[in-house]
Amino acid sequence: MATTPNKNRPATDPASQALCQRVTQLRKQHRLTLDKLAAASGVSRSMLSQIERGQANPTLAVTFRIAQAFGISVGELVDQPWASSSIEVVHGDDPNNLFRSDDSCQIRTLSPLHMEKSTEFYELRLAPGASFSSAAHYEGTRELLTLAQGQAEVRSGDSLCKLGRGDSAHYRGDLTHRIDNTGSDELIGYLVVTSP
């Protein structure tokens, strides 16, 4: 004999449970009543209440409106540790990761793009005699350059240092700075940029 689902029974699947907990958590964190969240999202108070109690599975459109009310994406609203891999891969052959690529200089990002708010990690390749110059970044920005191959001269403001294979330089990125390939071979280095 077929049974109909009990609308008062809390949702048992992990996705529904995670969504109801997340909406409740964000609403309390933003100090919103159900009425205020309903006004901000355009989703009825009764639907929000059902979602928080795990008694409704909202459509994508409803989920999108709730996410917008909190100023986040749908992905951020429903993202849970169990839903994503603990490993992120940045593929070396992905052209979207090339920050710059020409005959004299190639800069490829090695860090996931979402990390690039406070930490950036790049592979830098400079042809012999080529330079990579940069204007001053935000105050407090630091750069760490490690050479895997070649020779370099690094300038940061009025300071200057010379690097060989295996050497690292940590310098201010909030001053005008430049990296010169002073050797006869291609320079290959790894650059980490940190911002406050």
N, C-alpha and C. Protein backbone atom coordinates (compact mmCIF):
# COMPACT_ATOMS: atom_id res chain seq x y z
N MET A 1 0.85 -1.18 0.00
CA MET A 1 0.00 0.00 0.00
C MET A 1 0.89 1.24 0.00
N ALA A 2 0.61 2.19 -0.90
CA ALA A 2 1.41 3.41 -1.01
C ALA A 2 1.07 4.36 0.12
N THR A 3 2.09 5.07 0.57
CA THR A 3 1.85 6.06 1.63
C THR A 3 2.21 7.43 1.10
N THR A 4 1.56 8.43 1.60
CA THR A 4 1.88 9.80 1.21
C THR A 4 2.84 10.38 2.23
N PRO A 5 3.76 11.23 1.76
CA PRO A 5 4.72 11.79 2.70
C PRO A 5 4.06 12.64 3.78
N ASN A 6 4.57 12.59 4.98
CA ASN A 6 4.08 13.40 6.08
C ASN A 6 4.73 14.77 6.00
N LYS A 7 3.93 15.80 5.76
CA LYS A 7 4.48 17.15 5.60
C LYS A 7 5.07 17.70 6.89
N ASN A 8 4.71 17.13 8.02
CA ASN A 8 5.24 17.61 9.29
C ASN A 8 6.54 16.91 9.69
N ARG A 9 6.93 15.89 8.92
CA ARG A 9 8.16 15.17 9.25
C ARG A 9 9.35 15.95 8.70
N PRO A 10 10.39 16.17 9.51
CA PRO A 10 11.56 16.91 9.04
C PRO A 10 12.22 16.17 7.88
N ALA A 11 12.84 16.94 6.98
CA ALA A 11 13.54 16.36 5.83
C ALA A 11 14.70 15.50 6.33
N THR A 12 14.88 14.36 5.68
CA THR A 12 15.94 13.47 6.11
C THR A 12 17.13 13.46 5.17
N ASP A 13 16.97 13.94 3.92
CA ASP A 13 18.12 13.90 3.03
C ASP A 13 19.10 15.01 3.42
N PRO A 14 20.42 14.75 3.26
CA PRO A 14 21.44 15.69 3.72
C PRO A 14 21.33 17.08 3.11
N ALA A 15 20.95 17.16 1.83
CA ALA A 15 20.88 18.47 1.15
C ALA A 15 19.80 19.35 1.80
N SER A 16 18.62 18.77 2.05
CA SER A 16 17.53 19.54 2.65
C SER A 16 17.88 19.95 4.08
N GLN A 17 18.48 19.02 4.84
CA GLN A 17 18.87 19.35 6.21
C GLN A 17 19.90 20.48 6.23
N ALA A 18 20.87 20.40 5.31
CA ALA A 18 21.91 21.43 5.27
C ALA A 18 21.32 22.78 4.92
N LEU A 19 20.38 22.81 3.96
CA LEU A 19 19.77 24.07 3.55
C LEU A 19 18.96 24.67 4.69
N CYS A 20 18.17 23.85 5.38
CA CYS A 20 17.35 24.41 6.46
C CYS A 20 18.24 24.95 7.58
N GLN A 21 19.32 24.25 7.90
CA GLN A 21 20.24 24.73 8.94
C GLN A 21 20.94 26.01 8.51
N ARG A 22 21.34 26.05 7.22
CA ARG A 22 22.09 27.22 6.72
C ARG A 22 21.21 28.47 6.69
N VAL A 23 19.97 28.33 6.24
CA VAL A 23 19.07 29.48 6.19
C VAL A 23 18.81 30.00 7.60
N THR A 24 18.56 29.08 8.54
CA THR A 24 18.33 29.48 9.93
C THR A 24 19.57 30.18 10.50
N GLN A 25 20.74 29.60 10.25
CA GLN A 25 21.99 30.19 10.75
C GLN A 25 22.21 31.59 10.20
N LEU A 26 22.04 31.76 8.88
CA LEU A 26 22.26 33.07 8.26
C LEU A 26 21.23 34.09 8.72
N ARG A 27 19.99 33.66 8.87
CA ARG A 27 18.94 34.59 9.31
C ARG A 27 19.25 35.11 10.71
N LYS A 28 19.68 34.21 11.60
CA LYS A 28 20.01 34.63 12.97
C LYS A 28 21.28 35.48 12.99
N GLN A 29 22.23 35.10 12.15
CA GLN A 29 23.50 35.85 12.07
C GLN A 29 23.24 37.28 11.61
N HIS A 30 22.28 37.46 10.68
CA HIS A 30 21.93 38.79 10.18
C HIS A 30 20.85 39.47 11.03
N ARG A 31 20.44 38.78 12.12
CA ARG A 31 19.43 39.30 13.05
C ARG A 31 18.14 39.68 12.32
N LEU A 32 17.67 38.74 11.48
CA LEU A 32 16.44 38.97 10.73
C LEU A 32 15.33 38.09 11.29
N THR A 33 14.15 38.64 11.37
CA THR A 33 12.98 37.82 11.67
C THR A 33 12.55 37.16 10.37
N LEU A 34 11.67 36.17 10.47
CA LEU A 34 11.13 35.55 9.26
C LEU A 34 10.43 36.59 8.38
N ASP A 35 9.73 37.53 9.02
CA ASP A 35 9.03 38.57 8.26
C ASP A 35 10.02 39.45 7.49
N LYS A 36 11.12 39.81 8.14
CA LYS A 36 12.11 40.67 7.46
C LYS A 36 12.80 39.93 6.33
N LEU A 37 13.10 38.64 6.53
CA LEU A 37 13.71 37.86 5.47
C LEU A 37 12.73 37.68 4.31
N ALA A 38 11.46 37.50 4.64
CA ALA A 38 10.44 37.38 3.60
C ALA A 38 10.37 38.65 2.76
N ALA A 39 10.42 39.81 3.43
CA ALA A 39 10.38 41.09 2.71
C ALA A 39 11.62 41.29 1.85
N ALA A 40 12.78 40.87 2.36
CA ALA A 40 14.04 41.06 1.63
C ALA A 40 14.17 40.10 0.45
N SER A 41 13.60 38.91 0.58
CA SER A 41 13.79 37.89 -0.45
C SER A 41 12.63 37.75 -1.43
N GLY A 42 11.45 38.20 -1.00
CA GLY A 42 10.27 37.99 -1.85
C GLY A 42 9.72 36.58 -1.74
N VAL A 43 10.22 35.83 -0.74
CA VAL A 43 9.72 34.47 -0.47
C VAL A 43 8.79 34.58 0.74
N SER A 44 7.64 33.93 0.66
CA SER A 44 6.66 34.08 1.73
C SER A 44 7.19 33.59 3.08
N ARG A 45 6.65 34.20 4.14
CA ARG A 45 7.05 33.83 5.50
C ARG A 45 6.78 32.35 5.75
N SER A 46 5.62 31.87 5.29
CA SER A 46 5.27 30.47 5.54
C SER A 46 6.23 29.51 4.81
N MET A 47 6.65 29.88 3.59
CA MET A 47 7.60 29.04 2.86
C MET A 47 8.95 29.03 3.58
N LEU A 48 9.41 30.19 4.05
CA LEU A 48 10.67 30.26 4.79
C LEU A 48 10.61 29.42 6.06
N SER A 49 9.49 29.50 6.74
CA SER A 49 9.31 28.72 7.96
C SER A 49 9.38 27.22 7.66
N GLN A 50 8.73 26.81 6.57
CA GLN A 50 8.76 25.39 6.18
C GLN A 50 10.18 24.95 5.80
N ILE A 51 10.91 25.84 5.11
CA ILE A 51 12.29 25.50 4.73
C ILE A 51 13.15 25.33 5.98
N GLU A 52 13.02 26.25 6.93
CA GLU A 52 13.81 26.16 8.15
C GLU A 52 13.47 24.93 8.99
N ARG A 53 12.22 24.46 8.91
CA ARG A 53 11.82 23.26 9.66
C ARG A 53 12.08 21.99 8.85
N GLY A 54 12.62 22.14 7.63
CA GLY A 54 12.90 20.99 6.80
C GLY A 54 11.66 20.35 6.23
N GLN A 55 10.58 21.14 6.08
CA GLN A 55 9.31 20.60 5.59
C GLN A 55 9.03 20.99 4.15
N ALA A 56 10.01 21.64 3.51
CA ALA A 56 9.81 22.04 2.11
C ALA A 56 11.13 21.92 1.37
N ASN A 57 11.04 21.53 0.11
CA ASN A 57 12.21 21.51 -0.77
C ASN A 57 12.03 22.64 -1.77
N PRO A 58 12.69 23.78 -1.55
CA PRO A 58 12.45 24.93 -2.41
C PRO A 58 13.00 24.73 -3.83
N THR A 59 12.37 25.42 -4.76
CA THR A 59 12.85 25.40 -6.15
C THR A 59 14.16 26.20 -6.23
N LEU A 60 14.83 26.07 -7.36
CA LEU A 60 16.07 26.82 -7.56
C LEU A 60 15.80 28.32 -7.51
N ALA A 61 14.66 28.76 -8.07
CA ALA A 61 14.34 30.19 -8.06
C ALA A 61 14.17 30.72 -6.64
N VAL A 62 13.50 29.94 -5.78
CA VAL A 62 13.30 30.34 -4.39
C VAL A 62 14.65 30.37 -3.66
N THR A 63 15.48 29.33 -3.89
CA THR A 63 16.81 29.28 -3.27
C THR A 63 17.64 30.47 -3.71
N PHE A 64 17.54 30.84 -4.98
CA PHE A 64 18.28 31.99 -5.51
C PHE A 64 17.84 33.28 -4.82
N ARG A 65 16.54 33.46 -4.62
CA ARG A 65 16.04 34.69 -3.98
C ARG A 65 16.50 34.77 -2.52
N ILE A 66 16.54 33.62 -1.84
CA ILE A 66 17.01 33.61 -0.44
C ILE A 66 18.50 33.97 -0.41
N ALA A 67 19.28 33.38 -1.31
CA ALA A 67 20.72 33.67 -1.36
C ALA A 67 20.95 35.16 -1.63
N GLN A 68 20.18 35.72 -2.57
CA GLN A 68 20.32 37.15 -2.90
C GLN A 68 20.03 38.03 -1.68
N ALA A 69 19.06 37.63 -0.89
CA ALA A 69 18.71 38.41 0.30
C ALA A 69 19.87 38.48 1.29
N PHE A 70 20.69 37.42 1.31
CA PHE A 70 21.86 37.41 2.20
C PHE A 70 23.11 37.97 1.51
N GLY A 71 22.99 38.32 0.22
CA GLY A 71 24.12 38.87 -0.51
C GLY A 71 25.17 37.83 -0.87
N ILE A 72 24.73 36.58 -1.06
CA ILE A 72 25.66 35.51 -1.42
C ILE A 72 25.12 34.76 -2.63
N SER A 73 25.93 33.89 -3.22
CA SER A 73 25.50 33.08 -4.35
C SER A 73 24.76 31.84 -3.86
N VAL A 74 24.07 31.18 -4.77
CA VAL A 74 23.40 29.91 -4.43
C VAL A 74 24.44 28.90 -3.96
N GLY A 75 25.58 28.88 -4.64
CA GLY A 75 26.66 27.97 -4.26
C GLY A 75 27.11 28.17 -2.84
N GLU A 76 27.24 29.45 -2.43
CA GLU A 76 27.66 29.74 -1.06
C GLU A 76 26.57 29.38 -0.06
N LEU A 77 25.32 29.49 -0.49
CA LEU A 77 24.21 29.15 0.41
C LEU A 77 24.15 27.66 0.68
N VAL A 78 24.38 26.85 -0.35
CA VAL A 78 24.21 25.41 -0.19
C VAL A 78 25.53 24.66 -0.01
N ASP A 79 26.67 25.34 -0.13
CA ASP A 79 27.96 24.66 -0.03
C ASP A 79 28.18 24.13 1.37
N GLN A 80 28.49 22.85 1.45
CA GLN A 80 28.78 22.19 2.71
C GLN A 80 30.03 21.34 2.53
N PRO A 81 30.80 21.08 3.59
CA PRO A 81 32.02 20.28 3.45
C PRO A 81 31.78 18.93 2.79
N TRP A 82 30.63 18.29 3.08
CA TRP A 82 30.38 16.98 2.50
C TRP A 82 30.07 17.07 1.02
N ALA A 83 29.71 18.27 0.53
CA ALA A 83 29.28 18.42 -0.86
C ALA A 83 30.42 18.72 -1.81
N SER A 84 31.60 19.00 -1.31
CA SER A 84 32.70 19.34 -2.20
C SER A 84 33.94 18.56 -1.82
N SER A 85 34.80 18.40 -2.80
CA SER A 85 36.04 17.68 -2.58
C SER A 85 36.96 18.51 -1.70
N SER A 86 37.83 17.82 -0.96
CA SER A 86 38.80 18.54 -0.13
C SER A 86 40.05 18.88 -0.94
N ILE A 87 40.05 18.55 -2.24
CA ILE A 87 41.18 18.86 -3.11
C ILE A 87 40.70 19.72 -4.27
N GLU A 88 41.37 20.84 -4.50
CA GLU A 88 41.11 21.68 -5.66
C GLU A 88 42.30 21.60 -6.58
N VAL A 89 42.06 21.42 -7.86
CA VAL A 89 43.14 21.31 -8.83
C VAL A 89 43.14 22.52 -9.75
N VAL A 90 44.32 23.12 -9.93
CA VAL A 90 44.51 24.19 -10.92
C VAL A 90 45.30 23.56 -12.05
N HIS A 91 44.66 23.37 -13.19
CA HIS A 91 45.27 22.65 -14.30
C HIS A 91 46.27 23.53 -15.06
N GLY A 92 47.45 22.95 -15.30
CA GLY A 92 48.52 23.67 -15.96
C GLY A 92 48.22 24.07 -17.39
N ASP A 93 47.32 23.34 -18.05
CA ASP A 93 47.02 23.66 -19.45
C ASP A 93 45.76 24.51 -19.60
N ASP A 94 45.23 25.03 -18.50
CA ASP A 94 44.03 25.86 -18.56
C ASP A 94 44.42 27.30 -18.92
N PRO A 95 44.03 27.79 -20.10
CA PRO A 95 44.42 29.14 -20.52
C PRO A 95 43.84 30.24 -19.63
N ASN A 96 42.78 29.93 -18.87
CA ASN A 96 42.20 30.93 -17.97
C ASN A 96 43.13 31.28 -16.82
N ASN A 97 44.15 30.43 -16.58
CA ASN A 97 45.08 30.69 -15.49
C ASN A 97 46.27 31.54 -15.91
N LEU A 98 46.34 31.92 -17.19
CA LEU A 98 47.43 32.77 -17.66
C LEU A 98 47.11 34.22 -17.37
N PHE A 99 47.89 34.83 -16.51
CA PHE A 99 47.73 36.24 -16.17
C PHE A 99 48.34 37.09 -17.29
N ARG A 100 49.46 36.62 -17.83
CA ARG A 100 50.13 37.29 -18.94
C ARG A 100 50.93 36.24 -19.70
N SER A 101 50.95 36.34 -21.02
CA SER A 101 51.74 35.42 -21.83
C SER A 101 52.13 36.09 -23.12
N ASP A 102 53.43 36.38 -23.28
CA ASP A 102 53.97 36.93 -24.51
C ASP A 102 55.39 36.41 -24.69
N ASP A 103 56.12 36.95 -25.67
CA ASP A 103 57.46 36.43 -25.96
C ASP A 103 58.45 36.65 -24.83
N SER A 104 58.25 37.68 -24.02
CA SER A 104 59.24 37.98 -22.97
C SER A 104 58.82 37.54 -21.58
N CYS A 105 57.51 37.36 -21.34
CA CYS A 105 57.06 37.09 -19.98
C CYS A 105 55.81 36.21 -19.98
N GLN A 106 55.81 35.23 -19.09
CA GLN A 106 54.59 34.45 -18.86
C GLN A 106 54.36 34.36 -17.36
N ILE A 107 53.15 34.72 -16.94
CA ILE A 107 52.77 34.62 -15.54
C ILE A 107 51.51 33.76 -15.48
N ARG A 108 51.60 32.67 -14.74
CA ARG A 108 50.50 31.73 -14.63
C ARG A 108 50.11 31.59 -13.16
N THR A 109 48.82 31.74 -12.87
CA THR A 109 48.38 31.60 -11.49
C THR A 109 48.36 30.12 -11.12
N LEU A 110 48.85 29.83 -9.93
CA LEU A 110 48.90 28.47 -9.41
C LEU A 110 47.90 28.26 -8.28
N SER A 111 47.27 29.34 -7.83
CA SER A 111 46.32 29.24 -6.72
C SER A 111 44.90 29.30 -7.26
N PRO A 112 43.94 28.65 -6.59
CA PRO A 112 42.55 28.76 -7.00
C PRO A 112 42.13 30.23 -7.03
N LEU A 113 41.35 30.60 -8.04
CA LEU A 113 41.02 32.01 -8.23
C LEU A 113 40.29 32.62 -7.04
N HIS A 114 39.48 31.83 -6.32
CA HIS A 114 38.76 32.40 -5.17
C HIS A 114 39.69 32.77 -4.02
N MET A 115 40.92 32.25 -4.01
CA MET A 115 41.88 32.59 -2.95
C MET A 115 42.51 33.95 -3.17
N GLU A 116 42.36 34.50 -4.39
CA GLU A 116 43.15 35.66 -4.75
C GLU A 116 42.65 36.96 -4.14
N LYS A 117 42.07 36.88 -2.97
CA LYS A 117 41.72 38.08 -2.23
C LYS A 117 42.86 38.44 -1.29
N SER A 118 43.49 37.45 -0.69
CA SER A 118 44.56 37.72 0.27
C SER A 118 45.87 37.04 -0.07
N THR A 119 45.82 35.95 -0.85
CA THR A 119 47.04 35.22 -1.21
C THR A 119 47.00 34.88 -2.68
N GLU A 120 48.06 35.20 -3.40
CA GLU A 120 48.17 34.86 -4.81
C GLU A 120 49.47 34.10 -5.00
N PHE A 121 49.44 33.06 -5.83
CA PHE A 121 50.62 32.22 -6.06
C PHE A 121 50.79 32.08 -7.58
N TYR A 122 51.97 32.46 -8.08
CA TYR A 122 52.20 32.48 -9.52
C TYR A 122 53.49 31.77 -9.90
N GLU A 123 53.50 31.25 -11.13
CA GLU A 123 54.73 30.83 -11.78
C GLU A 123 55.12 31.95 -12.72
N LEU A 124 56.37 32.40 -12.63
CA LEU A 124 56.87 33.50 -13.45
C LEU A 124 57.97 32.98 -14.36
N ARG A 125 57.87 33.27 -15.66
CA ARG A 125 58.91 32.91 -16.63
C ARG A 125 59.30 34.18 -17.38
N LEU A 126 60.60 34.49 -17.36
CA LEU A 126 61.11 35.67 -18.08
C LEU A 126 62.19 35.25 -19.05
N ALA A 127 62.11 35.74 -20.29
CA ALA A 127 63.15 35.47 -21.28
C ALA A 127 64.42 36.22 -20.87
N PRO A 128 65.59 35.79 -21.36
CA PRO A 128 66.84 36.50 -21.05
C PRO A 128 66.72 37.98 -21.40
N GLY A 129 67.11 38.84 -20.45
CA GLY A 129 67.06 40.28 -20.65
C GLY A 129 65.70 40.91 -20.41
N ALA A 130 64.67 40.11 -20.18
CA ALA A 130 63.31 40.64 -19.98
C ALA A 130 63.10 41.07 -18.53
N SER A 131 62.10 41.92 -18.34
CA SER A 131 61.76 42.44 -17.01
C SER A 131 60.26 42.33 -16.78
N PHE A 132 59.90 42.26 -15.51
CA PHE A 132 58.49 42.33 -15.12
C PHE A 132 58.38 43.44 -14.08
N SER A 133 57.70 44.53 -14.46
CA SER A 133 57.56 45.69 -13.57
C SER A 133 56.14 45.76 -13.05
N SER A 134 56.01 46.28 -11.84
CA SER A 134 54.69 46.42 -11.25
C SER A 134 54.60 47.70 -10.44
N ALA A 135 53.46 48.37 -10.56
CA ALA A 135 53.21 49.54 -9.72
C ALA A 135 52.98 49.08 -8.28
N ALA A 136 53.00 50.00 -7.37
CA ALA A 136 52.78 49.67 -5.96
C ALA A 136 51.37 49.11 -5.77
N HIS A 137 51.28 48.04 -5.00
CA HIS A 137 49.98 47.45 -4.65
C HIS A 137 49.47 48.13 -3.37
N TYR A 138 48.39 47.56 -2.80
CA TYR A 138 47.83 48.10 -1.57
C TYR A 138 48.86 48.11 -0.45
N GLU A 139 48.72 49.08 0.45
CA GLU A 139 49.65 49.18 1.58
C GLU A 139 49.66 47.88 2.38
N GLY A 140 50.84 47.41 2.71
CA GLY A 140 50.99 46.19 3.47
C GLY A 140 51.19 44.95 2.62
N THR A 141 51.09 45.09 1.29
CA THR A 141 51.30 43.93 0.40
C THR A 141 52.77 43.53 0.40
N ARG A 142 53.01 42.22 0.49
CA ARG A 142 54.37 41.68 0.46
C ARG A 142 54.46 40.66 -0.67
N GLU A 143 55.67 40.49 -1.21
CA GLU A 143 55.91 39.49 -2.24
C GLU A 143 57.09 38.62 -1.83
N LEU A 144 56.99 37.34 -2.16
CA LEU A 144 58.07 36.39 -1.92
C LEU A 144 58.36 35.71 -3.25
N LEU A 145 59.59 35.90 -3.76
CA LEU A 145 60.01 35.31 -5.03
C LEU A 145 61.09 34.28 -4.76
N THR A 146 60.89 33.06 -5.29
CA THR A 146 61.89 32.00 -5.20
C THR A 146 62.26 31.59 -6.62
N LEU A 147 63.58 31.56 -6.91
CA LEU A 147 64.04 31.20 -8.24
C LEU A 147 64.29 29.70 -8.34
N ALA A 148 63.68 29.07 -9.32
CA ALA A 148 63.92 27.66 -9.60
C ALA A 148 64.98 27.51 -10.69
N GLN A 149 65.12 28.57 -11.50
CA GLN A 149 66.09 28.54 -12.60
C GLN A 149 66.44 29.97 -12.99
N GLY A 150 67.73 30.21 -13.30
CA GLY A 150 68.15 31.51 -13.81
C GLY A 150 68.71 32.42 -12.75
N GLN A 151 68.88 33.68 -13.16
CA GLN A 151 69.40 34.73 -12.28
C GLN A 151 68.49 35.94 -12.38
N ALA A 152 68.37 36.65 -11.26
CA ALA A 152 67.47 37.80 -11.24
C ALA A 152 68.03 38.93 -10.42
N GLU A 153 67.52 40.11 -10.74
CA GLU A 153 67.76 41.29 -9.93
C GLU A 153 66.37 41.77 -9.53
N VAL A 154 66.16 41.98 -8.25
CA VAL A 154 64.85 42.42 -7.75
C VAL A 154 64.99 43.80 -7.15
N ARG A 155 64.11 44.71 -7.57
CA ARG A 155 64.08 46.07 -7.02
C ARG A 155 62.73 46.29 -6.36
N SER A 156 62.76 46.88 -5.16
CA SER A 156 61.55 47.27 -4.47
C SER A 156 61.83 48.64 -3.88
N GLY A 157 61.19 49.68 -4.43
CA GLY A 157 61.53 51.05 -4.03
C GLY A 157 62.98 51.31 -4.38
N ASP A 158 63.78 51.74 -3.40
CA ASP A 158 65.19 52.02 -3.62
C ASP A 158 66.09 50.82 -3.31
N SER A 159 65.52 49.71 -2.87
CA SER A 159 66.32 48.54 -2.50
C SER A 159 66.52 47.63 -3.70
N LEU A 160 67.68 46.93 -3.70
CA LEU A 160 68.04 46.05 -4.82
C LEU A 160 68.72 44.80 -4.27
N CYS A 161 68.41 43.64 -4.86
CA CYS A 161 69.12 42.41 -4.50
C CYS A 161 69.29 41.55 -5.74
N LYS A 162 70.28 40.66 -5.69
CA LYS A 162 70.54 39.73 -6.79
C LYS A 162 70.22 38.32 -6.29
N LEU A 163 69.59 37.53 -7.16
CA LEU A 163 69.21 36.17 -6.80
C LEU A 163 69.74 35.17 -7.82
N GLY A 164 70.11 33.98 -7.33
CA GLY A 164 70.48 32.87 -8.18
C GLY A 164 69.52 31.72 -7.94
N ARG A 165 69.73 30.64 -8.66
CA ARG A 165 68.87 29.46 -8.55
C ARG A 165 68.77 29.00 -7.08
N GLY A 166 67.54 28.83 -6.60
CA GLY A 166 67.30 28.38 -5.24
C GLY A 166 67.18 29.50 -4.22
N ASP A 167 67.51 30.74 -4.62
CA ASP A 167 67.41 31.88 -3.70
C ASP A 167 65.98 32.41 -3.63
N SER A 168 65.67 33.04 -2.51
CA SER A 168 64.36 33.68 -2.32
C SER A 168 64.54 35.11 -1.84
N ALA A 169 63.64 35.97 -2.23
CA ALA A 169 63.62 37.36 -1.76
C ALA A 169 62.21 37.68 -1.28
N HIS A 170 62.13 38.31 -0.11
CA HIS A 170 60.85 38.74 0.46
C HIS A 170 60.91 40.26 0.51
N TYR A 171 59.99 40.92 -0.17
CA TYR A 171 60.10 42.38 -0.32
C TYR A 171 58.73 43.04 -0.32
N ARG A 172 58.76 44.34 -0.18
CA ARG A 172 57.53 45.13 -0.15
C ARG A 172 56.91 45.20 -1.54
N GLY A 173 55.64 44.87 -1.62
CA GLY A 173 54.90 44.99 -2.87
C GLY A 173 54.10 46.27 -2.92
N ASP A 174 54.14 47.04 -1.81
CA ASP A 174 53.41 48.31 -1.79
C ASP A 174 54.29 49.47 -2.23
N LEU A 175 55.44 49.14 -2.84
CA LEU A 175 56.31 50.11 -3.50
C LEU A 175 56.44 49.68 -4.96
N THR A 176 56.82 50.58 -5.84
CA THR A 176 57.09 50.19 -7.22
C THR A 176 58.18 49.13 -7.19
N HIS A 177 57.98 48.03 -7.93
CA HIS A 177 58.96 46.94 -7.88
C HIS A 177 59.13 46.31 -9.26
N ARG A 178 60.28 45.63 -9.43
CA ARG A 178 60.62 45.07 -10.73
C ARG A 178 61.50 43.85 -10.58
N ILE A 179 61.31 42.88 -11.45
CA ILE A 179 62.15 41.68 -11.51
C ILE A 179 62.80 41.66 -12.88
N ASP A 180 64.13 41.60 -12.92
CA ASP A 180 64.88 41.55 -14.19
C ASP A 180 65.57 40.21 -14.31
N ASN A 181 65.49 39.61 -15.49
CA ASN A 181 66.26 38.40 -15.77
C ASN A 181 67.65 38.87 -16.21
N THR A 182 68.64 38.67 -15.36
CA THR A 182 70.01 39.14 -15.66
C THR A 182 70.89 38.02 -16.21
N GLY A 183 70.32 36.82 -16.39
CA GLY A 183 71.11 35.69 -16.89
C GLY A 183 70.91 35.47 -18.37
N SER A 184 71.59 34.44 -18.90
CA SER A 184 71.49 34.11 -20.32
C SER A 184 70.46 33.02 -20.59
N ASP A 185 69.85 32.49 -19.53
CA ASP A 185 68.81 31.46 -19.67
C ASP A 185 67.46 32.02 -19.24
N GLU A 186 66.41 31.27 -19.58
CA GLU A 186 65.08 31.65 -19.12
C GLU A 186 65.04 31.62 -17.60
N LEU A 187 64.41 32.62 -17.02
CA LEU A 187 64.21 32.67 -15.57
C LEU A 187 62.88 31.98 -15.26
N ILE A 188 62.90 31.07 -14.29
CA ILE A 188 61.66 30.46 -13.81
C ILE A 188 61.61 30.69 -12.30
N GLY A 189 60.57 31.34 -11.86
CA GLY A 189 60.44 31.62 -10.43
C GLY A 189 59.01 31.42 -9.96
N TYR A 190 58.85 31.36 -8.65
CA TYR A 190 57.55 31.20 -8.02
C TYR A 190 57.32 32.39 -7.11
N LEU A 191 56.20 33.05 -7.34
CA LEU A 191 55.91 34.32 -6.68
C LEU A 191 54.66 34.19 -5.83
N VAL A 192 54.78 34.52 -4.55
CA VAL A 192 53.63 34.55 -3.65
C VAL A 192 53.40 35.99 -3.25
N VAL A 193 52.16 36.46 -3.46
CA VAL A 193 51.78 37.83 -3.11
C VAL A 193 50.75 37.76 -2.00
N THR A 194 51.03 38.42 -0.88
CA THR A 194 50.07 38.44 0.23
C THR A 194 49.61 39.86 0.48
N SER A 195 48.32 40.03 0.71
CA SER A 195 47.73 41.33 0.96
C SER A 195 47.09 41.33 2.34
N PRO A 196 47.08 42.49 2.99
CA PRO A 196 46.48 42.55 4.35
C PRO A 196 44.97 42.40 4.29
